[in-house]
């Protein structure tokens, strides 16, 4: 007991040291007067909670291990019917179609702000799915993913501003340039492993941001590029007036002008891009290339012994992952209308990596849910927005301790050997 008490006191003291500068002290500015406001209540609550949890750690662990869900809850007619329905292919298709219908109808029933936030969430869904290829399937740690995101965004912004190209023409170009960037980066560095590869990609991300800040003639420097045109629907623009004698969406359909039309269109466009990303990645995973990614992740030496070239497999994963980041970057630039280097810092790369880890590496459904949660939840609690990164770090630590496989672990079909038929009697 004394040893446990000492450990609990030490944990409480460390908690107080860490939290007092963050939660306990606030600077209040009133004109030219600056005062220090002390708010000890949240620190005291956190210290007491940590002390009690550390003091009663073992009894709580035994209680958690002994707690079991009653068998009647797990096995009944309702759960059995749901399990059989989930295993039926047509039932799964019907469920996905129902979810798709809900996603399409949803923006017409909520506010403009909610649709705009969900559009941002769809961008992070695309980024998470793209990074999941190289991190979740191929097992490579990439820390500079925002660089490919920036390449796609600046490619669309520059081409649209300087050459007047449409979004639909720039979208594949942005994805192709991002893929080319990933290919050129991967050629010299993918022979590295583990932490060395992560450090190189981190450095590449920072180099890209510095180049965007300093190439004023090409990127606009710290001010970025503004006035980026938004996508049109078969030539129909969503502004109040069309440019260069074109037609507007509301005039063509005889509707009153509303800014909601453009917001809903951007949401539906983002949803279409997410669905296309899911479809392409799902098909790739069913091909030999997807099997090669998983073989590389499990054991590179065994992968090489099977006659596969690990460098080529890594290069394909990084190139395709960068392409999806380029698509997301082009869509981000079209949504924002203005971009600058501060939108592509290391924090963005860390956030996308957190989405993949929290959702479950290799789990596409988990990545989708984690991206929506990480994007939407801070909007629901804006008063805690300044503690956003602190909350991310705490959640990551807790996930690594209690559920390292993620919220929804990747499911793989089990392989069973057929039993030998009994000898005829």
Protein backbone atom coordinates (compact mmCIF):
# COMPACT_ATOMS: atom_id res chain seq x y z
CA UNK A 1 0.00 0.00 0.00
CA UNK A 2 2.74 2.59 0.77
CA UNK A 3 4.30 1.98 -2.65
CA UNK A 4 0.92 2.44 -4.35
CA UNK A 5 0.28 5.61 -2.37
CA UNK A 6 3.66 7.05 -3.35
CA UNK A 7 3.00 6.28 -7.04
CA UNK A 8 -0.43 7.92 -6.81
CA UNK A 9 1.02 11.04 -5.18
CA UNK A 10 3.76 11.24 -7.80
CA UNK A 11 1.20 10.95 -10.62
CA UNK A 12 -0.92 13.68 -9.01
CA UNK A 13 2.07 16.03 -8.68
CA UNK A 14 3.09 15.49 -12.32
CA UNK A 15 -0.50 16.14 -13.40
CA UNK A 16 -0.55 19.39 -11.46
CA UNK A 17 2.78 20.51 -12.96
CA UNK A 18 1.53 19.82 -16.50
CA UNK A 19 -1.96 21.29 -16.16
CA UNK A 20 -1.39 24.43 -14.07
CA UNK A 21 0.20 26.42 -16.97
CA UNK A 22 -2.55 25.25 -19.36
CA UNK A 23 -5.77 25.33 -17.33
CA UNK A 24 -4.87 27.01 -14.05
CA UNK A 25 -3.46 30.30 -15.29
CA UNK A 26 -5.09 32.63 -17.81
CA UNK A 27 -3.95 36.05 -19.00
CA UNK A 28 -6.74 38.62 -18.99
CA UNK A 29 -6.20 41.73 -21.16
CA UNK A 30 -8.36 44.79 -20.45
CA UNK A 31 -7.15 47.66 -22.62
CA UNK A 32 -3.58 48.31 -21.53
CA UNK A 33 -3.98 46.38 -18.27
CA UNK A 34 -2.82 42.77 -18.14
CA UNK A 35 -3.79 40.56 -15.24
CA UNK A 36 -3.24 36.91 -14.33
CA UNK A 37 -6.48 35.05 -13.66
CA UNK A 38 -6.15 31.93 -11.52
CA UNK A 39 -8.73 29.17 -12.11
CA UNK A 40 -7.70 26.22 -9.94
CA UNK A 41 -10.97 24.25 -10.18
CA UNK A 42 -10.23 22.22 -13.37
CA UNK A 43 -6.69 21.49 -12.17
CA UNK A 44 -7.93 20.27 -8.77
CA UNK A 45 -10.52 18.02 -10.40
CA UNK A 46 -7.94 16.51 -12.76
CA UNK A 47 -5.39 15.98 -9.96
CA UNK A 48 -7.92 14.28 -7.70
CA UNK A 49 -9.13 12.07 -10.55
CA UNK A 50 -5.59 10.98 -11.46
CA UNK A 51 -4.74 10.33 -7.81
CA UNK A 52 -7.79 8.14 -7.24
CA UNK A 53 -7.39 6.24 -10.51
CA UNK A 54 -3.73 5.53 -9.78
CA UNK A 55 -4.44 4.59 -6.18
CA UNK A 56 -7.22 2.13 -7.07
CA UNK A 57 -5.73 0.99 -10.37
CA UNK A 58 -5.55 -2.71 -9.58
CA UNK A 59 -9.05 -3.06 -8.08
CA UNK A 60 -10.46 -1.22 -11.09
CA UNK A 61 -8.56 -3.51 -13.47
CA UNK A 62 -9.89 -6.60 -11.70
CA UNK A 63 -13.41 -5.17 -11.80
CA UNK A 64 -13.10 -4.46 -15.52
CA UNK A 65 -11.74 -7.95 -16.22
CA UNK A 66 -14.56 -9.59 -14.27
CA UNK A 67 -17.30 -7.57 -15.95
CA UNK A 68 -18.96 -9.48 -18.77
CA UNK A 69 -21.93 -8.79 -20.94
CA UNK A 70 -24.73 -11.23 -20.09
CA UNK A 71 -25.16 -13.97 -22.63
CA UNK A 72 -28.82 -13.05 -23.10
CA UNK A 73 -27.70 -9.64 -24.38
CA UNK A 74 -25.29 -11.12 -26.91
CA UNK A 75 -27.38 -14.03 -28.15
CA UNK A 76 -31.04 -13.34 -28.84
CA UNK A 77 -33.32 -13.30 -31.83
CA UNK A 78 -32.66 -9.63 -32.64
CA UNK A 79 -28.85 -9.87 -32.57
CA UNK A 80 -28.93 -13.15 -34.50
CA UNK A 81 -31.10 -11.57 -37.19
CA UNK A 82 -28.78 -8.57 -37.43
CA UNK A 83 -25.73 -10.86 -37.67
CA UNK A 84 -27.28 -12.92 -40.46
CA UNK A 85 -28.37 -9.77 -42.26
CA UNK A 86 -24.87 -8.30 -42.08
CA UNK A 87 -23.42 -11.48 -43.61
CA UNK A 88 -25.85 -11.43 -46.54
CA UNK A 89 -24.42 -9.59 -49.61
CA UNK A 90 -27.74 -8.13 -50.71
CA UNK A 91 -28.50 -6.90 -47.20
CA UNK A 92 -25.13 -5.13 -47.05
CA UNK A 93 -25.77 -3.51 -50.41
CA UNK A 94 -29.20 -2.36 -49.24
CA UNK A 95 -27.63 -0.90 -46.08
CA UNK A 96 -25.00 1.02 -48.07
CA UNK A 97 -27.65 2.32 -50.47
CA UNK A 98 -29.72 3.48 -47.51
CA UNK A 99 -26.74 5.30 -46.01
CA UNK A 100 -25.99 6.88 -49.38
CA UNK A 101 -29.58 8.08 -49.71
CA UNK A 102 -29.41 9.60 -46.23
CA UNK A 103 -26.11 11.33 -47.06
CA UNK A 104 -27.60 12.83 -50.24
CA UNK A 105 -30.84 14.01 -48.60
CA UNK A 106 -29.19 15.28 -45.40
CA UNK A 107 -27.85 18.68 -46.69
CA UNK A 108 -31.36 19.73 -47.73
CA UNK A 109 -32.65 19.35 -44.15
CA UNK A 110 -29.96 21.12 -42.07
CA UNK A 111 -28.41 24.56 -41.82
CA UNK A 112 -25.80 25.97 -44.16
CA UNK A 113 -23.14 25.94 -41.45
CA UNK A 114 -23.63 22.23 -40.77
CA UNK A 115 -23.28 21.41 -44.47
CA UNK A 116 -20.10 23.49 -44.69
CA UNK A 117 -18.55 21.70 -41.71
CA UNK A 118 -19.42 18.31 -43.17
CA UNK A 119 -17.82 19.35 -46.48
CA UNK A 120 -14.60 20.01 -44.57
CA UNK A 121 -14.99 16.59 -42.94
CA UNK A 122 -15.22 14.98 -46.38
CA UNK A 123 -11.87 16.55 -47.29
CA UNK A 124 -10.28 14.90 -44.26
CA UNK A 125 -12.02 11.63 -45.16
CA UNK A 126 -10.25 11.72 -48.55
CA UNK A 127 -6.94 12.55 -46.91
CA UNK A 128 -7.37 9.78 -44.35
CA UNK A 129 -8.25 7.21 -46.99
CA UNK A 130 -5.24 8.24 -49.05
CA UNK A 131 -2.81 8.07 -46.15
CA UNK A 132 -4.34 4.76 -45.10
CA UNK A 133 -2.88 3.22 -48.27
CA UNK A 134 0.72 3.94 -47.34
CA UNK A 135 0.40 3.69 -43.54
CA UNK A 136 -2.38 1.16 -43.00
CA UNK A 137 -1.92 -1.19 -45.95
CA UNK A 138 1.78 -0.87 -46.83
CA UNK A 139 3.01 -0.23 -43.27
CA UNK A 140 5.13 2.85 -44.04
CA UNK A 141 5.19 5.84 -41.68
CA UNK A 142 4.81 9.11 -43.62
CA UNK A 143 4.87 12.35 -41.61
CA UNK A 144 4.86 14.90 -44.43
CA UNK A 145 1.57 14.03 -46.11
CA UNK A 146 0.48 17.68 -46.16
CA UNK A 147 3.11 18.31 -48.87
CA UNK A 148 1.13 16.31 -51.46
CA UNK A 149 -2.04 18.00 -50.22
CA UNK A 150 -0.40 21.37 -50.89
CA UNK A 151 0.77 20.35 -54.37
CA UNK A 152 -2.79 19.52 -55.41
CA UNK A 153 -4.21 22.74 -53.95
CA UNK A 154 -1.60 25.03 -55.49
CA UNK A 155 -1.74 23.19 -58.83
CA UNK A 156 -5.47 23.92 -59.17
CA UNK A 157 -5.15 27.48 -57.86
CA UNK A 158 -2.30 28.37 -60.23
CA UNK A 159 -3.82 26.74 -63.33
CA UNK A 160 -7.22 28.28 -62.67
CA UNK A 161 -5.77 31.76 -62.06
CA UNK A 162 -3.13 31.90 -64.79
CA UNK A 163 -4.69 29.82 -67.58
CA UNK A 164 -8.39 29.92 -66.75
CA UNK A 165 -8.76 26.12 -66.68
CA UNK A 166 -11.90 24.66 -65.14
CA UNK A 167 -11.99 22.61 -61.96
CA UNK A 168 -12.90 19.43 -63.84
CA UNK A 169 -9.83 19.72 -66.05
CA UNK A 170 -7.52 20.73 -63.19
CA UNK A 171 -8.66 17.93 -60.87
CA UNK A 172 -6.84 15.08 -62.71
CA UNK A 173 -3.86 17.38 -63.36
CA UNK A 174 -3.59 18.18 -59.62
CA UNK A 175 -3.80 14.50 -58.73
CA UNK A 176 -1.22 13.65 -61.38
CA UNK A 177 1.23 16.32 -60.19
CA UNK A 178 0.87 15.15 -56.60
CA UNK A 179 1.42 11.54 -57.71
CA UNK A 180 4.52 12.62 -59.67
CA UNK A 181 5.81 14.39 -56.55
CA UNK A 182 5.30 11.24 -54.50
CA UNK A 183 7.02 9.16 -57.19
CA UNK A 184 10.05 11.46 -57.36
CA UNK A 185 10.29 11.56 -53.57
CA UNK A 186 10.00 7.80 -53.29
CA UNK A 187 12.71 6.93 -55.80
CA UNK A 188 15.65 7.90 -53.55
CA UNK A 189 14.14 7.47 -50.07
CA UNK A 190 12.00 4.33 -50.11
CA UNK A 191 15.02 2.14 -49.56
CA UNK A 192 14.98 3.53 -46.02
CA UNK A 193 12.97 1.88 -43.27
CA UNK A 194 11.11 2.81 -40.13
CA UNK A 195 12.07 6.04 -38.40
CA UNK A 196 14.49 7.10 -41.13
CA UNK A 197 11.71 7.14 -43.72
CA UNK A 198 9.45 9.07 -41.34
CA UNK A 199 12.15 11.72 -40.74
CA UNK A 200 12.80 12.15 -44.47
CA UNK A 201 9.09 12.62 -45.26
CA UNK A 202 8.79 15.05 -42.34
CA UNK A 203 11.65 17.08 -43.76
CA UNK A 204 10.09 17.01 -47.22
CA UNK A 205 6.85 18.40 -45.81
CA UNK A 206 8.67 21.29 -44.14
CA UNK A 207 10.74 21.99 -47.28
CA UNK A 208 7.54 22.17 -49.31
CA UNK A 209 6.00 24.67 -46.89
CA UNK A 210 9.12 26.85 -46.96
CA UNK A 211 9.16 26.80 -50.76
CA UNK A 212 5.53 27.89 -50.84
CA UNK A 213 6.43 30.77 -48.53
CA UNK A 214 9.39 31.95 -50.59
CA UNK A 215 8.42 31.40 -54.23
CA UNK A 216 6.47 34.64 -54.44
CA UNK A 217 6.32 34.73 -58.24
CA UNK A 218 4.67 31.28 -58.35
CA UNK A 219 2.76 30.77 -55.10
CA UNK A 220 2.12 34.31 -53.89
CA UNK A 221 4.39 33.82 -50.87
CA UNK A 222 2.86 34.10 -47.40
CA UNK A 223 -0.23 35.81 -48.85
CA UNK A 224 -1.05 32.76 -50.96
CA UNK A 225 -3.41 32.74 -53.92
CA UNK A 226 -6.90 34.23 -53.72
CA UNK A 227 -9.90 34.52 -55.97
CA UNK A 228 -9.85 30.82 -56.85
CA UNK A 229 -12.92 29.99 -58.96
CA UNK A 230 -15.40 27.43 -57.69
CA UNK A 231 -16.49 24.40 -59.72
CA UNK A 232 -19.44 24.66 -62.06
CA UNK A 233 -22.12 22.10 -62.91
CA UNK A 234 -22.02 21.48 -66.67
CA UNK A 235 -21.08 25.11 -67.18
CA UNK A 236 -23.72 26.46 -64.76
CA UNK A 237 -22.17 28.78 -62.18
CA UNK A 238 -23.48 29.20 -58.65
CA UNK A 239 -22.82 32.91 -58.25
CA UNK A 240 -25.40 35.65 -58.41
CA UNK A 241 -24.20 36.59 -61.89
CA UNK A 242 -22.37 34.50 -64.46
CA UNK A 243 -18.99 35.51 -65.86
CA UNK A 244 -18.23 36.00 -69.55
CA UNK A 245 -21.81 35.60 -70.64
CA UNK A 246 -22.34 32.19 -69.08
CA UNK A 247 -25.43 30.88 -67.33
CA UNK A 248 -26.12 30.63 -63.62
CA UNK A 249 -27.68 27.68 -61.84
CA UNK A 250 -30.65 29.57 -60.43
CA UNK A 251 -31.48 31.30 -63.70
CA UNK A 252 -31.30 28.08 -65.72
CA UNK A 253 -33.73 26.29 -63.40
CA UNK A 254 -35.89 29.36 -62.73
CA UNK A 255 -35.06 29.56 -59.00
CA UNK A 256 -34.43 32.47 -56.69
CA UNK A 257 -30.76 33.04 -55.97
CA UNK A 258 -29.51 31.48 -52.73
CA UNK A 259 -25.99 30.97 -51.41
CA UNK A 260 -27.08 27.59 -50.10
CA UNK A 261 -27.01 26.17 -53.63
CA UNK A 262 -23.23 26.52 -53.87
CA UNK A 263 -22.68 25.07 -50.37
CA UNK A 264 -24.86 22.04 -51.06
CA UNK A 265 -23.20 21.51 -54.45
CA UNK A 266 -19.74 21.52 -52.84
CA UNK A 267 -20.94 18.98 -50.28
CA UNK A 268 -22.36 16.68 -52.96
CA UNK A 269 -19.18 17.04 -55.01
CA UNK A 270 -17.09 16.11 -51.97
CA UNK A 271 -19.36 13.13 -51.31
CA UNK A 272 -18.91 11.98 -54.92
CA UNK A 273 -15.11 12.25 -54.61
CA UNK A 274 -15.16 10.25 -51.36
CA UNK A 275 -17.27 7.52 -52.96
CA UNK A 276 -14.91 7.39 -55.95
CA UNK A 277 -11.94 7.14 -53.58
CA UNK A 278 -13.56 4.30 -51.65
CA UNK A 279 -14.41 2.45 -54.86
CA UNK A 280 -10.91 2.75 -56.35
CA UNK A 281 -9.14 1.71 -53.13
CA UNK A 282 -11.51 -1.22 -52.63
CA UNK A 283 -10.77 -2.45 -56.16
CA UNK A 284 -7.03 -2.01 -55.65
CA UNK A 285 -7.14 -4.08 -52.48
CA UNK A 286 -8.76 -6.95 -54.37
CA UNK A 287 -6.00 -6.87 -56.98
CA UNK A 288 -2.54 -8.45 -56.59
CA UNK A 289 -1.19 -4.99 -55.84
CA UNK A 290 -3.28 -4.75 -52.67
CA UNK A 291 -2.13 -8.21 -51.57
CA UNK A 292 1.46 -7.12 -52.17
CA UNK A 293 0.94 -4.08 -49.90
CA UNK A 294 -0.30 -6.30 -47.09
CA UNK A 295 2.56 -8.78 -47.62
CA UNK A 296 5.05 -5.91 -47.39
CA UNK A 297 3.46 -4.66 -44.19
CA UNK A 298 3.56 -8.05 -42.50
CA UNK A 299 7.14 -9.02 -43.41
CA UNK A 300 9.40 -7.32 -45.92
CA UNK A 301 11.92 -10.16 -45.94
CA UNK A 302 9.22 -12.74 -46.65
CA UNK A 303 7.83 -10.43 -49.34
CA UNK A 304 11.24 -10.30 -51.00
CA UNK A 305 11.60 -14.08 -50.79
CA UNK A 306 8.36 -14.44 -52.77
CA UNK A 307 9.97 -12.64 -55.71
CA UNK A 308 8.33 -9.27 -55.04
CA UNK A 309 10.32 -6.06 -55.21
CA UNK A 310 9.68 -4.15 -51.95
CA UNK A 311 10.90 -0.86 -53.42
CA UNK A 312 8.43 -1.03 -56.31
CA UNK A 313 5.58 -1.93 -53.94
CA UNK A 314 6.45 0.97 -51.62
CA UNK A 315 6.69 3.31 -54.60
CA UNK A 316 3.24 2.29 -55.86
CA UNK A 317 1.71 2.83 -52.42
CA UNK A 318 3.28 6.27 -51.96
CA UNK A 319 2.41 7.38 -55.50
CA UNK A 320 -1.26 6.40 -55.24
CA UNK A 321 -1.51 7.85 -51.75
CA UNK A 322 -0.07 11.15 -52.98
CA UNK A 323 -2.55 11.19 -55.89
CA UNK A 324 -5.55 11.06 -53.55
CA UNK A 325 -4.00 13.84 -51.46
CA UNK A 326 -3.72 15.90 -54.65
CA UNK A 327 -7.42 15.38 -55.40
CA UNK A 328 -8.30 16.45 -51.86
CA UNK A 329 -6.05 19.51 -52.18
CA UNK A 330 -7.71 20.64 -55.39
CA UNK A 331 -11.14 20.27 -53.81
CA UNK A 332 -9.94 22.15 -50.71
CA UNK A 333 -8.70 25.06 -52.84
CA UNK A 334 -12.01 25.17 -54.73
CA UNK A 335 -13.98 25.19 -51.46
CA UNK A 336 -11.89 27.84 -49.72
CA UNK A 337 -11.35 30.21 -52.63
CA UNK A 338 -8.06 31.28 -51.03
CA UNK A 339 -5.04 29.24 -49.90
CA UNK A 340 -1.74 30.06 -48.23
CA UNK A 341 1.16 27.99 -46.83
CA UNK A 342 -0.28 28.07 -43.30
CA UNK A 343 -2.98 25.61 -44.40
CA UNK A 344 -0.35 22.90 -45.02
CA UNK A 345 1.76 22.79 -41.88
CA UNK A 346 2.93 19.72 -39.98
CA UNK A 347 -0.22 19.95 -37.85
CA UNK A 348 -2.24 18.91 -40.91
CA UNK A 349 -0.04 15.86 -41.47
CA UNK A 350 -0.29 14.94 -37.79
CA UNK A 351 -4.06 15.34 -37.85
CA UNK A 352 -4.48 13.05 -40.86
CA UNK A 353 -2.16 10.49 -39.27
CA UNK A 354 -4.24 10.68 -36.08
CA UNK A 355 -7.35 9.96 -38.15
CA UNK A 356 -5.77 6.79 -39.55
CA UNK A 357 -4.52 5.61 -36.16
CA UNK A 358 -7.76 6.36 -34.31
CA UNK A 359 -9.97 4.81 -36.96
CA UNK A 360 -7.84 1.70 -37.27
CA UNK A 361 -4.93 1.23 -39.66
CA UNK A 362 -6.20 -0.60 -42.72
CA UNK A 363 -9.87 -0.02 -41.84
CA UNK A 364 -11.63 2.22 -44.35
CA UNK A 365 -14.84 2.48 -42.35
CA UNK A 366 -12.87 3.36 -39.23
CA UNK A 367 -10.97 6.10 -41.08
CA UNK A 368 -14.24 7.60 -42.36
CA UNK A 369 -15.79 7.68 -38.88
CA UNK A 370 -12.62 9.03 -37.24
CA UNK A 371 -12.30 11.83 -39.81
CA UNK A 372 -15.90 12.90 -39.27
CA UNK A 373 -15.51 12.76 -35.48
CA UNK A 374 -12.25 14.74 -35.40
CA UNK A 375 -13.67 17.42 -37.69
CA UNK A 376 -17.19 17.73 -36.34
CA UNK A 377 -16.71 17.36 -32.56
CA UNK A 378 -14.54 20.51 -32.15
CA UNK A 379 -17.25 22.50 -33.95
CA UNK A 380 -19.83 21.30 -31.43
CA UNK A 381 -17.71 22.56 -28.52
CA UNK A 382 -16.12 25.77 -29.73
CA UNK A 383 -15.36 26.95 -26.19
CA UNK A 384 -12.77 24.15 -25.96
CA UNK A 385 -11.25 24.89 -29.38
CA UNK A 386 -8.00 26.18 -27.87
CA UNK A 387 -7.47 22.80 -26.20
CA UNK A 388 -8.05 20.91 -29.44
CA UNK A 389 -4.51 19.59 -29.91
CA UNK A 390 -4.25 18.75 -26.22
CA UNK A 391 -7.39 16.63 -26.55
CA UNK A 392 -5.98 14.92 -29.65
CA UNK A 393 -2.81 13.99 -27.81
CA UNK A 394 -4.74 12.66 -24.82
CA UNK A 395 -7.00 10.58 -27.05
CA UNK A 396 -3.99 9.16 -28.90
CA UNK A 397 -2.34 8.14 -25.64
CA UNK A 398 -5.51 6.49 -24.37
CA UNK A 399 -6.02 4.67 -27.67
CA UNK A 400 -2.48 3.33 -27.63
CA UNK A 401 -2.98 2.07 -24.08
CA UNK A 402 -6.40 0.45 -24.33
CA UNK A 403 -7.24 -0.04 -28.00
CA UNK A 404 -4.14 0.12 -30.21
CA UNK A 405 -6.00 -1.53 -33.11
CA UNK A 406 -8.25 1.54 -33.51
CA UNK A 407 -11.96 2.20 -33.16
CA UNK A 408 -12.92 -0.25 -35.92
CA UNK A 409 -10.08 -2.70 -36.57
CA UNK A 410 -9.49 -3.85 -40.11
CA UNK A 411 -11.40 -7.05 -40.79
CA UNK A 412 -9.88 -9.68 -43.01
CA UNK A 413 -11.65 -12.81 -44.23
CA UNK A 414 -10.53 -15.86 -42.25
CA UNK A 415 -8.98 -18.74 -44.14
CA UNK A 416 -9.87 -22.25 -43.00
CA UNK A 417 -8.63 -25.52 -44.35
CA UNK A 418 -11.33 -27.98 -45.34
CA UNK A 419 -11.60 -30.89 -42.97
CA UNK A 420 -10.79 -34.27 -44.32
CA UNK A 421 -13.78 -36.38 -45.07
CA UNK A 422 -14.14 -39.34 -42.80
CA UNK A 423 -13.32 -42.66 -44.31
CA UNK A 424 -16.34 -44.48 -45.60
CA UNK A 425 -17.54 -46.95 -43.11
